[in-house]
Amino acid sequence: MDMKTKIGLRIKELRNDQNLTQEEVAWKAEVDRTFMNHVENGKRNVSIDTLTKIICSGLETSFKDFFSADIFNNKRRGK
């Protein structure tokens, strides 16, 4: 799985955990809702500045918490 897909899945996971819509996160992060959809679906590269807006402002999460998820762990399951 490539990094764009992992980032998108993690954003979607956190958004759903907080019961937020893409539109709500996009508004808080000051990005377009359609852009959010493309990021969540791994279809867009996202700059570090925009990723910061989405994670910190839109999802009110730290980078540490965002990237500590199992999806970013390189270990294979079962090991």
PDB file of N, CA and C in Angstrom:
ATOM      1  N   MET A   1       0.860  -1.177   0.000  1.00  0.00           N
ATOM      2  CA  MET A   1       0.000   0.000   0.000  1.00  0.00           C
ATOM      3  C   MET A   1       0.903   1.236   0.000  1.00  0.00           C
ATOM      4  N   ASP A   2       0.618   2.162  -0.883  1.00  0.00           N
ATOM      5  CA  ASP A   2       1.458   3.371  -0.959  1.00  0.00           C
ATOM      6  C   ASP A   2       1.083   4.377   0.127  1.00  0.00           C
ATOM      7  N   MET A   3       1.957   5.346   0.320  1.00  0.00           N
ATOM      8  CA  MET A   3       1.783   6.319   1.412  1.00  0.00           C
ATOM      9  C   MET A   3       0.533   7.185   1.215  1.00  0.00           C
ATOM     10  N   LYS A   4       0.214   7.562  -0.025  1.00  0.00           N
ATOM     11  CA  LYS A   4      -1.000   8.368  -0.263  1.00  0.00           C
ATOM     12  C   LYS A   4      -2.235   7.626   0.245  1.00  0.00           C
ATOM     13  N   THR A   5      -2.293   6.334  -0.018  1.00  0.00           N
ATOM     14  CA  THR A   5      -3.431   5.523   0.410  1.00  0.00           C
ATOM     15  C   THR A   5      -3.476   5.402   1.925  1.00  0.00           C
ATOM     16  N   LYS A   6      -2.321   5.169   2.543  1.00  0.00           N
ATOM     17  CA  LYS A   6      -2.266   5.064   4.010  1.00  0.00           C
ATOM     18  C   LYS A   6      -2.719   6.354   4.676  1.00  0.00           C
ATOM     19  N   ILE A   7      -2.242   7.484   4.162  1.00  0.00           N
ATOM     20  CA  ILE A   7      -2.628   8.785   4.727  1.00  0.00           C
ATOM     21  C   ILE A   7      -4.129   8.995   4.571  1.00  0.00           C
ATOM     22  N   GLY A   8      -4.650   8.694   3.402  1.00  0.00           N
ATOM     23  CA  GLY A   8      -6.082   8.855   3.164  1.00  0.00           C
ATOM     24  C   GLY A   8      -6.925   7.990   4.078  1.00  0.00           C
ATOM     25  N   LEU A   9      -6.523   6.742   4.258  1.00  0.00           N
ATOM     26  CA  LEU A   9      -7.267   5.844   5.137  1.00  0.00           C
ATOM     27  C   LEU A   9      -7.224   6.322   6.587  1.00  0.00           C
ATOM     28  N   ARG A  10      -6.080   6.834   7.002  1.00  0.00           N
ATOM     29  CA  ARG A  10      -5.951   7.338   8.393  1.00  0.00           C
ATOM     30  C   ARG A  10      -6.807   8.579   8.600  1.00  0.00           C
ATOM     31  N   ILE A  11      -6.825   9.481   7.626  1.00  0.00           N
ATOM     32  CA  ILE A  11      -7.676  10.673   7.720  1.00  0.00           C
ATOM     33  C   ILE A  11      -9.138  10.252   7.835  1.00  0.00           C
ATOM     34  N   LYS A  12      -9.549   9.333   6.978  1.00  0.00           N
ATOM     35  CA  LYS A  12     -10.939   8.864   6.993  1.00  0.00           C
ATOM     36  C   LYS A  12     -11.274   8.194   8.325  1.00  0.00           C
ATOM     37  N   GLU A  13     -10.353   7.390   8.852  1.00  0.00           N
ATOM     38  CA  GLU A  13     -10.564   6.725  10.133  1.00  0.00           C
ATOM     39  C   GLU A  13     -10.790   7.749  11.247  1.00  0.00           C
ATOM     40  N   LEU A  14      -9.916   8.741  11.336  1.00  0.00           N
ATOM     41  CA  LEU A  14     -10.049   9.757  12.376  1.00  0.00           C
ATOM     42  C   LEU A  14     -11.304  10.602  12.187  1.00  0.00           C
ATOM     43  N   ARG A  15     -11.615  10.926  10.954  1.00  0.00           N
ATOM     44  CA  ARG A  15     -12.819  11.714  10.668  1.00  0.00           C
ATOM     45  C   ARG A  15     -14.067  10.955  11.108  1.00  0.00           C
ATOM     46  N   ASN A  16     -14.119   9.677  10.764  1.00  0.00           N
ATOM     47  CA  ASN A  16     -15.274   8.864  11.164  1.00  0.00           C
ATOM     48  C   ASN A  16     -15.347   8.678  12.679  1.00  0.00           C
ATOM     49  N   ASP A  17     -14.190   8.501  13.324  1.00  0.00           N
ATOM     50  CA  ASP A  17     -14.162   8.373  14.783  1.00  0.00           C
ATOM     51  C   ASP A  17     -14.730   9.612  15.464  1.00  0.00           C
ATOM     52  N   GLN A  18     -14.552  10.767  14.829  1.00  0.00           N
ATOM     53  CA  GLN A  18     -15.039  12.029  15.394  1.00  0.00           C
ATOM     54  C   GLN A  18     -16.430  12.406  14.868  1.00  0.00           C
ATOM     55  N   ASN A  19     -17.013  11.514  14.080  1.00  0.00           N
ATOM     56  CA  ASN A  19     -18.342  11.758  13.494  1.00  0.00           C
ATOM     57  C   ASN A  19     -18.395  13.064  12.716  1.00  0.00           C
ATOM     58  N   LEU A  20     -17.352  13.315  11.925  1.00  0.00           N
ATOM     59  CA  LEU A  20     -17.284  14.514  11.101  1.00  0.00           C
ATOM     60  C   LEU A  20     -17.484  14.152   9.637  1.00  0.00           C
ATOM     61  N   THR A  21     -18.049  15.070   8.888  1.00  0.00           N
ATOM     62  CA  THR A  21     -18.154  14.885   7.440  1.00  0.00           C
ATOM     63  C   THR A  21     -16.884  15.408   6.776  1.00  0.00           C
ATOM     64  N   GLN A  22     -16.684  15.026   5.535  1.00  0.00           N
ATOM     65  CA  GLN A  22     -15.555  15.575   4.779  1.00  0.00           C
ATOM     66  C   GLN A  22     -15.669  17.086   4.707  1.00  0.00           C
ATOM     67  N   GLU A  23     -16.878  17.562   4.532  1.00  0.00           N
ATOM     68  CA  GLU A  23     -17.101  19.005   4.434  1.00  0.00           C
ATOM     69  C   GLU A  23     -16.700  19.726   5.723  1.00  0.00           C
ATOM     70  N   GLU A  24     -17.025  19.154   6.870  1.00  0.00           N
ATOM     71  CA  GLU A  24     -16.663  19.775   8.147  1.00  0.00           C
ATOM     72  C   GLU A  24     -15.150  19.839   8.338  1.00  0.00           C
ATOM     73  N   VAL A  25     -14.466  18.753   8.012  1.00  0.00           N
ATOM     74  CA  VAL A  25     -13.003  18.738   8.139  1.00  0.00           C
ATOM     75  C   VAL A  25     -12.390  19.708   7.147  1.00  0.00           C
ATOM     76  N   ALA A  26     -12.886  19.705   5.929  1.00  0.00           N
ATOM     77  CA  ALA A  26     -12.369  20.609   4.894  1.00  0.00           C
ATOM     78  C   ALA A  26     -12.542  22.065   5.316  1.00  0.00           C
ATOM     79  N   TRP A  27     -13.695  22.394   5.867  1.00  0.00           N
ATOM     80  CA  TRP A  27     -13.957  23.770   6.295  1.00  0.00           C
ATOM     81  C   TRP A  27     -12.974  24.177   7.393  1.00  0.00           C
ATOM     82  N   LYS A  28     -12.801  23.311   8.389  1.00  0.00           N
ATOM     83  CA  LYS A  28     -11.889  23.614   9.494  1.00  0.00           C
ATOM     84  C   LYS A  28     -10.440  23.707   9.015  1.00  0.00           C
ATOM     85  N   ALA A  29     -10.092  22.911   8.001  1.00  0.00           N
ATOM     86  CA  ALA A  29      -8.723  22.888   7.489  1.00  0.00           C
ATOM     87  C   ALA A  29      -8.493  23.914   6.381  1.00  0.00           C
ATOM     88  N   GLU A  30      -9.564  24.577   5.968  1.00  0.00           N
ATOM     89  CA  GLU A  30      -9.506  25.579   4.893  1.00  0.00           C
ATOM     90  C   GLU A  30      -9.013  24.984   3.573  1.00  0.00           C
ATOM     91  N   VAL A  31      -9.586  23.807   3.239  1.00  0.00           N
ATOM     92  CA  VAL A  31      -9.338  23.185   1.935  1.00  0.00           C
ATOM     93  C   VAL A  31     -10.692  22.859   1.312  1.00  0.00           C
ATOM     94  N   ASP A  32     -10.682  22.598   0.026  1.00  0.00           N
ATOM     95  CA  ASP A  32     -11.915  22.287  -0.688  1.00  0.00           C
ATOM     96  C   ASP A  32     -12.397  20.878  -0.333  1.00  0.00           C
ATOM     97  N   ARG A  33     -13.710  20.688  -0.245  1.00  0.00           N
ATOM     98  CA  ARG A  33     -14.266  19.386   0.099  1.00  0.00           C
ATOM     99  C   ARG A  33     -13.922  18.325  -0.935  1.00  0.00           C
ATOM    100  N   THR A  34     -13.930  18.684  -2.204  1.00  0.00           N
ATOM    101  CA  THR A  34     -13.589  17.705  -3.231  1.00  0.00           C
ATOM    102  C   THR A  34     -12.115  17.296  -3.122  1.00  0.00           C
ATOM    103  N   PHE A  35     -11.269  18.231  -2.720  1.00  0.00           N
ATOM    104  CA  PHE A  35      -9.869  17.908  -2.486  1.00  0.00           C
ATOM    105  C   PHE A  35      -9.758  16.900  -1.349  1.00  0.00           C
ATOM    106  N   MET A  36     -10.527  17.102  -0.277  1.00  0.00           N
ATOM    107  CA  MET A  36     -10.537  16.163   0.845  1.00  0.00           C
ATOM    108  C   MET A  36     -10.911  14.766   0.382  1.00  0.00           C
ATOM    109  N   ASN A  37     -11.909  14.681  -0.482  1.00  0.00           N
ATOM    110  CA  ASN A  37     -12.340  13.392  -1.004  1.00  0.00           C
ATOM    111  C   ASN A  37     -11.197  12.710  -1.758  1.00  0.00           C
ATOM    112  N   HIS A  38     -10.494  13.459  -2.572  1.00  0.00           N
ATOM    113  CA  HIS A  38      -9.382  12.902  -3.344  1.00  0.00           C
ATOM    114  C   HIS A  38      -8.237  12.465  -2.422  1.00  0.00           C
ATOM    115  N   VAL A  39      -7.976  13.223  -1.375  1.00  0.00           N
ATOM    116  CA  VAL A  39      -6.920  12.859  -0.426  1.00  0.00           C
ATOM    117  C   VAL A  39      -7.312  11.575   0.305  1.00  0.00           C
ATOM    118  N   GLU A  40      -8.542  11.512   0.796  1.00  0.00           N
ATOM    119  CA  GLU A  40      -8.998  10.321   1.521  1.00  0.00           C
ATOM    120  C   GLU A  40      -8.947   9.072   0.649  1.00  0.00           C
ATOM    121  N   ASN A  41      -9.154   9.230  -0.638  1.00  0.00           N
ATOM    122  CA  ASN A  41      -9.154   8.090  -1.550  1.00  0.00           C
ATOM    123  C   ASN A  41      -7.799   7.827  -2.189  1.00  0.00           C
ATOM    124  N   GLY A  42      -6.766   8.519  -1.706  1.00  0.00           N
ATOM    125  CA  GLY A  42      -5.408   8.280  -2.182  1.00  0.00           C
ATOM    126  C   GLY A  42      -5.153   8.704  -3.603  1.00  0.00           C
ATOM    127  N   LYS A  43      -5.953   9.645  -4.093  1.00  0.00           N
ATOM    128  CA  LYS A  43      -5.838  10.084  -5.487  1.00  0.00           C
ATOM    129  C   LYS A  43      -5.034  11.364  -5.653  1.00  0.00           C
ATOM    130  N   ARG A  44      -4.682  12.011  -4.555  1.00  0.00           N
ATOM    131  CA  ARG A  44      -3.954  13.278  -4.629  1.00  0.00           C
ATOM    132  C   ARG A  44      -2.743  13.262  -3.724  1.00  0.00           C
ATOM    133  N   ASN A  45      -1.656  13.812  -4.220  1.00  0.00           N
ATOM    134  CA  ASN A  45      -0.522  14.096  -3.357  1.00  0.00           C
ATOM    135  C   ASN A  45      -0.890  15.320  -2.540  1.00  0.00           C
ATOM    136  N   VAL A  46      -0.447  15.346  -1.323  1.00  0.00           N
ATOM    137  CA  VAL A  46      -0.776  16.467  -0.451  1.00  0.00           C
ATOM    138  C   VAL A  46       0.528  17.035   0.113  1.00  0.00           C
ATOM    139  N   SER A  47       0.650  18.346   0.069  1.00  0.00           N
ATOM    140  CA  SER A  47       1.859  18.994   0.597  1.00  0.00           C
ATOM    141  C   SER A  47       1.868  18.887   2.113  1.00  0.00           C
ATOM    142  N   ILE A  48       3.033  19.073   2.689  1.00  0.00           N
ATOM    143  CA  ILE A  48       3.156  19.019   4.149  1.00  0.00           C
ATOM    144  C   ILE A  48       2.348  20.146   4.792  1.00  0.00           C
ATOM    145  N   ASP A  49       2.279  21.297   4.130  1.00  0.00           N
ATOM    146  CA  ASP A  49       1.483  22.413   4.665  1.00  0.00           C
ATOM    147  C   ASP A  49       0.000  22.058   4.708  1.00  0.00           C
ATOM    148  N   THR A  50      -0.495  21.471   3.629  1.00  0.00           N
ATOM    149  CA  THR A  50      -1.907  21.101   3.577  1.00  0.00           C
ATOM    150  C   THR A  50      -2.193  19.941   4.520  1.00  0.00           C
ATOM    151  N   LEU A  51      -1.279  18.989   4.605  1.00  0.00           N
ATOM    152  CA  LEU A  51      -1.454  17.875   5.528  1.00  0.00           C
ATOM    153  C   LEU A  51      -1.510  18.379   6.966  1.00  0.00           C
ATOM    154  N   THR A  52      -0.697  19.372   7.278  1.00  0.00           N
ATOM    155  CA  THR A  52      -0.721  19.984   8.609  1.00  0.00           C
ATOM    156  C   THR A  52      -2.090  20.599   8.881  1.00  0.00           C
ATOM    157  N   LYS A  53      -2.647  21.301   7.913  1.00  0.00           N
ATOM    158  CA  LYS A  53      -3.974  21.892   8.084  1.00  0.00           C
ATOM    159  C   LYS A  53      -5.028  20.819   8.343  1.00  0.00           C
ATOM    160  N   ILE A  54      -4.970  19.740   7.561  1.00  0.00           N
ATOM    161  CA  ILE A  54      -5.975  18.681   7.692  1.00  0.00           C
ATOM    162  C   ILE A  54      -5.846  17.977   9.043  1.00  0.00           C
ATOM    163  N   ILE A  55      -4.616  17.598   9.408  1.00  0.00           N
ATOM    164  CA  ILE A  55      -4.414  16.841  10.647  1.00  0.00           C
ATOM    165  C   ILE A  55      -4.620  17.728  11.877  1.00  0.00           C
ATOM    166  N   CYS A  56      -3.938  18.851  11.915  1.00  0.00           N
ATOM    167  CA  CYS A  56      -3.943  19.679  13.127  1.00  0.00           C
ATOM    168  C   CYS A  56      -5.198  20.538  13.274  1.00  0.00           C
ATOM    169  N   SER A  57      -5.638  21.157  12.196  1.00  0.00           N
ATOM    170  CA  SER A  57      -6.821  22.023  12.282  1.00  0.00           C
ATOM    171  C   SER A  57      -8.114  21.257  12.017  1.00  0.00           C
ATOM    172  N   GLY A  58      -8.134  20.502  10.935  1.00  0.00           N
ATOM    173  CA  GLY A  58      -9.356  19.798  10.555  1.00  0.00           C
ATOM    174  C   GLY A  58      -9.727  18.675  11.492  1.00  0.00           C
ATOM    175  N   LEU A  59      -8.728  17.894  11.911  1.00  0.00           N
ATOM    176  CA  LEU A  59      -8.985  16.747  12.777  1.00  0.00           C
ATOM    177  C   LEU A  59      -8.571  16.976  14.223  1.00  0.00           C
ATOM    178  N   GLU A  60      -7.943  18.124  14.481  1.00  0.00           N
ATOM    179  CA  GLU A  60      -7.476  18.480  15.821  1.00  0.00           C
ATOM    180  C   GLU A  60      -6.684  17.331  16.458  1.00  0.00           C
ATOM    181  N   THR A  61      -5.726  16.826  15.681  1.00  0.00           N
ATOM    182  CA  THR A  61      -4.889  15.698  16.079  1.00  0.00           C
ATOM    183  C   THR A  61      -3.428  16.086  15.900  1.00  0.00           C
ATOM    184  N   SER A  62      -2.555  15.531  16.698  1.00  0.00           N
ATOM    185  CA  SER A  62      -1.129  15.802  16.529  1.00  0.00           C
ATOM    186  C   SER A  62      -0.548  14.877  15.468  1.00  0.00           C
ATOM    187  N   PHE A  63       0.578  15.295  14.893  1.00  0.00           N
ATOM    188  CA  PHE A  63       1.276  14.444  13.935  1.00  0.00           C
ATOM    189  C   PHE A  63       1.679  13.133  14.598  1.00  0.00           C
ATOM    190  N   LYS A  64       2.108  13.204  15.848  1.00  0.00           N
ATOM    191  CA  LYS A  64       2.522  12.004  16.581  1.00  0.00           C
ATOM    192  C   LYS A  64       1.374  11.003  16.644  1.00  0.00           C
ATOM    193  N   ASP A  65       0.194  11.460  17.032  1.00  0.00           N
ATOM    194  CA  ASP A  65      -0.958  10.571  17.117  1.00  0.00           C
ATOM    195  C   ASP A  65      -1.382  10.075  15.734  1.00  0.00           C
ATOM    196  N   PHE A  66      -1.322  10.955  14.758  1.00  0.00           N
ATOM    197  CA  PHE A  66      -1.715  10.579  13.402  1.00  0.00           C
ATOM    198  C   PHE A  66      -0.844   9.448  12.878  1.00  0.00           C
ATOM    199  N   PHE A  67       0.475   9.616  12.983  1.00  0.00           N
ATOM    200  CA  PHE A  67       1.403   8.655  12.391  1.00  0.00           C
ATOM    201  C   PHE A  67       1.746   7.481  13.311  1.00  0.00           C
ATOM    202  N   SER A  68       1.201   7.443  14.520  1.00  0.00           N
ATOM    203  CA  SER A  68       1.459   6.302  15.403  1.00  0.00           C
ATOM    204  C   SER A  68       0.505   5.142  15.130  1.00  0.00           C
ATOM    205  N   ALA A  69      -0.414   5.309  14.202  1.00  0.00           N
ATOM    206  CA  ALA A  69      -1.388   4.267  13.879  1.00  0.00           C
ATOM    207  C   ALA A  69      -0.703   3.046  13.274  1.00  0.00           C
ATOM    208  N   ASP A  70      -1.302   1.896  13.477  1.00  0.00           N
ATOM    209  CA  ASP A  70      -0.760   0.636  12.955  1.00  0.00           C
ATOM    210  C   ASP A  70      -0.541   0.659  11.443  1.00  0.00           C
ATOM    211  N   ILE A  71      -1.352   1.392  10.728  1.00  0.00           N
ATOM    212  CA  ILE A  71      -1.236   1.422   9.265  1.00  0.00           C
ATOM    213  C   ILE A  71       0.141   1.918   8.806  1.00  0.00           C
ATOM    214  N   PHE A  72       0.808   2.712   9.643  1.00  0.00           N
ATOM    215  CA  PHE A  72       2.130   3.235   9.290  1.00  0.00           C
ATOM    216  C   PHE A  72       3.257   2.359   9.832  1.00  0.00           C
ATOM    217  N   ASN A  73       2.915   1.312  10.559  1.00  0.00           N
ATOM    218  CA  ASN A  73       3.900   0.394  11.117  1.00  0.00           C
ATOM    219  C   ASN A  73       4.357  -0.551  10.007  1.00  0.00           C
ATOM    220  N   ASN A  74       5.655  -0.617   9.753  1.00  0.00           N
ATOM    221  CA  ASN A  74       6.183  -1.420   8.652  1.00  0.00           C
ATOM    222  C   ASN A  74       6.282  -2.901   8.959  1.00  0.00           C
ATOM    223  N   LYS A  75       6.028  -3.292  10.198  1.00  0.00           N
ATOM    224  CA  LYS A  75       6.100  -4.700  10.536  1.00  0.00           C
ATOM    225  C   LYS A  75       4.953  -5.454   9.893  1.00  0.00           C
ATOM    226  N   ARG A  76       5.245  -6.653   9.465  1.00  0.00           N
ATOM    227  CA  ARG A  76       4.194  -7.497   8.887  1.00  0.00           C
ATOM    228  C   ARG A  76       3.355  -8.085  10.012  1.00  0.00           C
ATOM    229  N   ARG A  77       2.105  -8.328   9.725  1.00  0.00           N
ATOM    230  CA  ARG A  77       1.221  -8.932  10.731  1.00  0.00           C
ATOM    231  C   ARG A  77       1.709 -10.331  11.045  1.00  0.00           C
ATOM    232  N   GLY A  78       1.510 -10.725  12.290  1.00  0.00           N
ATOM    233  CA  GLY A  78       1.888 -12.059  12.704  1.00  0.00           C
ATOM    234  C   GLY A  78       3.320 -12.174  13.187  1.00  0.00           C
ATOM    235  N   LYS A  79       4.079 -11.094  13.101  1.00  0.00           N
ATOM    236  CA  LYS A  79       5.475 -11.120  13.562  1.00  0.00           C
ATOM    237  C   LYS A  79       5.605 -10.373  14.854  1.00  0.00           C
TER     238      LYS A  79
END
